[in-house]
Protein backbone atom coordinates (compact mmCIF):
# COMPACT_ATOMS: atom_id res chain seq x y z
CA UNK A 1 82.43 106.08 96.21
CA UNK A 2 81.40 104.44 99.47
CA UNK A 3 82.39 100.82 99.72
CA UNK A 4 81.11 98.12 102.05
CA UNK A 5 80.94 95.33 99.51
CA UNK A 6 82.56 91.98 100.24
CA UNK A 7 82.77 89.52 97.40
CA UNK A 8 84.67 86.45 98.43
CA UNK A 9 84.44 82.70 98.51
CA UNK A 10 84.56 82.05 102.26
CA UNK A 11 85.68 78.47 101.89
CA UNK A 12 88.31 79.07 99.23
CA UNK A 13 89.34 82.46 100.63
CA UNK A 14 89.37 84.09 97.22
CA UNK A 15 88.99 87.81 96.71
CA UNK A 16 87.21 89.38 93.75
CA UNK A 17 89.88 91.42 91.90
CA UNK A 18 87.26 94.00 90.90
CA UNK A 19 86.97 95.26 94.50
CA UNK A 20 90.58 95.19 95.71
CA UNK A 21 92.28 98.53 96.48
CA UNK A 22 93.63 100.27 93.40
CA UNK A 23 96.64 101.52 95.38
CA UNK A 24 98.23 99.95 98.46
CA UNK A 25 101.01 101.51 100.53
CA UNK A 26 103.05 99.43 102.99
CA UNK A 27 105.24 100.57 105.87
CA UNK A 28 107.57 97.59 106.12
CA UNK A 29 108.49 97.52 109.81
CA UNK A 30 109.82 94.97 112.27
CA UNK A 31 112.91 93.49 110.62
CA UNK A 32 115.17 93.99 113.65
CA UNK A 33 112.54 92.73 116.08
CA UNK A 34 111.96 89.69 113.85
CA UNK A 35 115.66 88.85 114.20
CA UNK A 36 115.70 89.58 117.95
CA UNK A 37 112.75 87.25 118.49
CA UNK A 38 114.84 84.50 116.87
CA UNK A 39 118.03 85.38 118.76
CA UNK A 40 119.87 86.07 115.53
CA UNK A 41 121.78 89.21 114.44
CA UNK A 42 119.75 92.23 113.28
CA UNK A 43 121.18 92.15 109.72
CA UNK A 44 119.51 88.78 109.20
CA UNK A 45 116.15 90.47 109.77
CA UNK A 46 116.87 93.12 107.15
CA UNK A 47 117.94 90.42 104.68
CA UNK A 48 114.74 88.48 105.33
CA UNK A 49 112.73 91.65 104.87
CA UNK A 50 114.43 92.40 101.55
CA UNK A 51 113.63 88.89 100.32
CA UNK A 52 109.96 89.51 101.06
CA UNK A 53 109.63 92.48 98.70
CA UNK A 54 109.25 90.63 95.41
CA UNK A 55 106.82 87.91 96.66
CA UNK A 56 104.52 90.54 98.17
CA UNK A 57 104.72 92.72 95.08
CA UNK A 58 103.81 89.73 92.93
CA UNK A 59 100.94 88.83 95.28
CA UNK A 60 99.56 92.36 94.94
CA UNK A 61 99.86 92.19 91.16
CA UNK A 62 98.07 88.81 91.15
CA UNK A 63 95.18 90.38 93.09
CA UNK A 64 94.85 93.14 90.50
CA UNK A 65 96.33 95.96 92.56
CA UNK A 66 97.38 98.73 90.15
CA UNK A 67 99.86 100.59 92.38
CA UNK A 68 102.00 99.47 95.30
CA UNK A 69 104.15 101.91 97.28
CA UNK A 70 106.72 100.51 99.72
CA UNK A 71 108.40 102.63 102.41
CA UNK A 72 111.94 101.28 102.09
CA UNK A 73 114.13 104.01 103.63
CA UNK A 74 113.01 107.25 105.24
CA UNK A 75 114.76 110.60 105.47
CA UNK A 76 115.15 109.85 109.19
CA UNK A 77 116.76 106.44 108.68
CA UNK A 78 120.15 108.07 108.06
CA UNK A 79 120.29 108.53 111.86
CA UNK A 80 120.69 104.79 112.33
CA UNK A 81 124.16 103.27 112.99
CA UNK A 82 126.45 103.54 109.95
CA UNK A 83 126.84 99.77 109.65
CA UNK A 84 123.07 99.32 109.51
CA UNK A 85 122.68 102.08 106.90
CA UNK A 86 125.44 100.51 104.80
CA UNK A 87 123.69 97.14 104.98
CA UNK A 88 120.38 98.70 103.91
CA UNK A 89 122.10 100.32 100.90
CA UNK A 90 123.59 96.95 99.90
CA UNK A 91 120.21 95.27 100.24
CA UNK A 92 118.67 97.92 98.01
CA UNK A 93 121.34 97.16 95.43
CA UNK A 94 120.63 93.43 95.72
CA UNK A 95 116.88 93.85 95.24
CA UNK A 96 117.42 95.99 92.14
CA UNK A 97 119.94 93.51 90.77
CA UNK A 98 118.35 90.17 91.69
CA UNK A 99 114.60 90.81 91.54
CA UNK A 100 114.28 93.32 88.73
CA UNK A 101 114.16 90.89 85.80
CA UNK A 102 111.42 88.79 87.38
CA UNK A 103 109.36 91.86 88.22
CA UNK A 104 109.86 93.08 84.66
CA UNK A 105 108.69 89.73 83.29
CA UNK A 106 105.56 90.03 85.44
CA UNK A 107 104.76 93.40 83.85
CA UNK A 108 105.65 95.52 86.87
CA UNK A 109 106.81 99.09 86.33
CA UNK A 110 109.29 100.23 88.97
CA UNK A 111 109.70 103.81 90.17
CA UNK A 112 111.91 105.19 92.94
CA UNK A 113 110.49 108.18 94.81
CA UNK A 114 112.52 110.31 97.19
CA UNK A 115 115.69 112.40 97.21
CA UNK A 116 118.33 110.33 95.40
CA UNK A 117 121.19 112.80 95.71
CA UNK A 118 122.44 111.35 98.98
CA UNK A 119 122.78 107.84 97.56
CA UNK A 120 126.04 106.56 96.10
CA UNK A 121 126.40 107.13 92.32
CA UNK A 122 126.27 103.41 91.52
CA UNK A 123 122.98 103.02 93.40
CA UNK A 124 121.51 106.07 91.69
CA UNK A 125 122.50 104.52 88.34
CA UNK A 126 120.81 101.23 89.27
CA UNK A 127 117.62 103.09 90.12
CA UNK A 128 117.61 104.92 86.80
CA UNK A 129 118.34 101.74 84.84
CA UNK A 130 115.54 99.87 86.64
CA UNK A 131 113.08 102.61 85.79
CA UNK A 132 114.19 102.69 82.16
CA UNK A 133 113.91 98.90 81.80
CA UNK A 134 110.37 98.74 83.19
CA UNK A 135 108.90 102.07 82.08
CA UNK A 136 106.53 100.57 79.51
CA UNK A 137 105.08 97.90 81.83
CA UNK A 138 101.41 98.36 82.68
CA UNK A 139 100.32 95.52 84.95
CA UNK A 140 101.28 97.27 88.19
CA UNK A 141 103.38 100.26 89.27
CA UNK A 142 105.75 99.55 92.15
CA UNK A 143 106.99 102.69 93.89
CA UNK A 144 110.00 102.30 96.15
CA UNK A 145 110.15 105.20 98.62
CA UNK A 146 113.85 105.66 99.38
CA UNK A 147 115.25 108.63 101.30
CA UNK A 148 111.64 109.71 101.34
CA UNK A 149 109.66 111.72 103.85
CA UNK A 150 106.18 113.19 103.64
CA UNK A 151 107.35 116.60 104.82
CA UNK A 152 110.19 116.55 102.29
CA UNK A 153 107.71 115.65 99.53
CA UNK A 154 105.37 118.53 100.38
CA UNK A 155 108.27 120.99 100.74
CA UNK A 156 109.72 119.99 97.35
CA UNK A 157 106.31 120.34 95.72
CA UNK A 158 105.95 123.85 97.19
CA UNK A 159 109.42 124.80 95.92
CA UNK A 160 108.66 123.66 92.38
CA UNK A 161 105.32 125.43 92.41
CA UNK A 162 107.02 128.63 93.55
CA UNK A 163 109.64 128.28 90.81
CA UNK A 164 106.96 127.89 88.15
CA UNK A 165 105.09 130.92 89.46
CA UNK A 166 108.32 132.97 89.50
CA UNK A 167 109.08 131.86 85.93
CA UNK A 168 105.65 133.02 84.77
CA UNK A 169 104.57 129.48 83.87
CA UNK A 170 101.85 129.44 86.50
CA UNK A 171 99.52 131.96 88.11
CA UNK A 172 99.46 131.69 91.90
CA UNK A 173 95.70 132.23 91.84
CA UNK A 174 95.32 128.96 89.92
CA UNK A 175 96.90 126.83 92.65
CA UNK A 176 94.39 124.51 94.27
CA UNK A 177 94.59 121.07 95.90
CA UNK A 178 94.46 119.19 92.60
CA UNK A 179 97.24 121.26 91.07
CA UNK A 180 99.42 121.01 94.18
CA UNK A 181 99.00 117.22 94.24
CA UNK A 182 100.43 116.97 90.72
CA UNK A 183 103.76 118.26 92.04
CA UNK A 184 104.05 115.50 94.64
CA UNK A 185 106.03 112.30 94.09
CA UNK A 186 102.86 110.28 93.45
CA UNK A 187 101.12 113.08 91.58
CA UNK A 188 100.39 111.00 88.49
CA UNK A 189 98.86 108.16 90.51
CA UNK A 190 95.66 107.77 92.54
CA UNK A 191 96.18 108.20 96.30
CA UNK A 192 96.52 105.02 98.37
CA UNK A 193 93.25 103.33 99.26
CA UNK A 194 94.89 101.18 101.93
CA UNK A 195 98.04 101.56 104.02
CA UNK A 196 99.38 98.48 105.78
CA UNK A 197 101.90 98.83 108.59
CA UNK A 198 103.61 95.72 109.91
CA UNK A 199 105.48 95.40 113.20
CA UNK A 200 102.80 96.49 115.67
CA UNK A 201 103.30 100.28 115.75
CA UNK A 202 100.31 102.54 115.03
CA UNK A 203 101.78 105.60 113.31
CA UNK A 204 102.64 106.72 109.78
CA UNK A 205 106.22 107.88 110.50
CA UNK A 206 106.31 110.81 108.06
CA UNK A 207 105.30 108.69 105.08
CA UNK A 208 102.73 109.94 102.53
CA UNK A 209 101.33 112.78 104.62
CA UNK A 210 99.34 114.50 101.86
CA UNK A 211 98.30 111.33 100.07
CA UNK A 212 96.88 109.64 103.18
CA UNK A 213 93.99 112.12 103.61
CA UNK A 214 91.32 109.42 103.09
CA UNK A 215 93.41 106.26 103.18
CA UNK A 216 92.20 103.27 105.21
CA UNK A 217 94.79 101.92 107.67
CA UNK A 218 95.54 98.35 108.65
CA UNK A 219 97.98 97.69 111.49
CA UNK A 220 99.32 94.23 112.21
CA UNK A 221 101.67 92.84 114.84
CA UNK A 222 103.28 90.61 112.21
CA UNK A 223 106.85 91.61 111.45
CA UNK A 224 107.57 92.42 107.81
CA UNK A 225 109.54 89.21 107.05
CA UNK A 226 106.51 87.19 108.23
CA UNK A 227 103.95 89.20 106.26
CA UNK A 228 103.08 86.73 103.51
CA UNK A 229 100.29 86.29 100.95
CA UNK A 230 97.89 84.98 103.60
CA UNK A 231 98.61 88.07 105.71
CA UNK A 232 97.94 90.27 102.68
CA UNK A 233 94.66 88.49 102.03
CA UNK A 234 93.54 89.12 105.61
CA UNK A 235 94.37 92.82 105.24
CA UNK A 236 92.40 92.98 102.00
CA UNK A 237 89.38 91.23 103.52
CA UNK A 238 89.43 93.68 106.43
CA UNK A 239 89.59 96.58 103.96
CA UNK A 240 86.61 95.24 102.02
CA UNK A 241 84.51 95.21 105.20
CA UNK A 242 84.95 98.94 105.70
CA UNK A 243 82.63 101.63 104.45
CA UNK A 244 84.47 104.51 102.78
CA UNK A 245 82.39 107.68 102.95
CA UNK A 246 84.93 110.43 102.15
CA UNK A 247 83.10 112.85 104.45
CA UNK A 248 79.63 112.02 103.12
CA UNK A 249 76.72 110.27 104.79
CA UNK A 250 75.51 107.02 103.27
């Protein structure tokens, strides 16, 4: 459906929850540059970024967003220095340990998408336990993309489709876009309406390549640790000013 409707109280800055995006994806970028700008070590930027996950997730839930997908760690991030990768793994553990109960109390269902096999066994266990604890929550679904890449996601979907065809569970002639999409990591969810990238870069960095076919993009120079509720509101107001045609004329 085309959308150009803006329903907001300009003085109060409120946003009508009935017109917010159903699904938001965020590329959380700029942690190291945030630290560099403050002349502090890079790890401090990653820690600040990790602390920003729960407040932004809660802000999205308060706005009525149904799905939030955060790009936490890409398949390419393993190429970073070992000390940085180790820190990122520890921060992932800390988020799952320290923020999970509050997210659960707020009715948030947590899912981890990506290839978990490369993670340490204890971190894999934490991911599974977090999903089990929150699986019945319905207020918002929070997808954490970890060791995730759009090309990996499409390749894995193709593999599983091929396996089902080989096993006689599926006829190759029945494969269409809708069926293929069900085999992707976000197959059970609507595609993102809005993707926000912080940190100033204008690219999608091998994120949700299939899912972003008709996604609106919002790029901001703000580094991820500085991207707060007011920043989110500005992104949402910009989104509401756009007209989504999905290839049609209006």
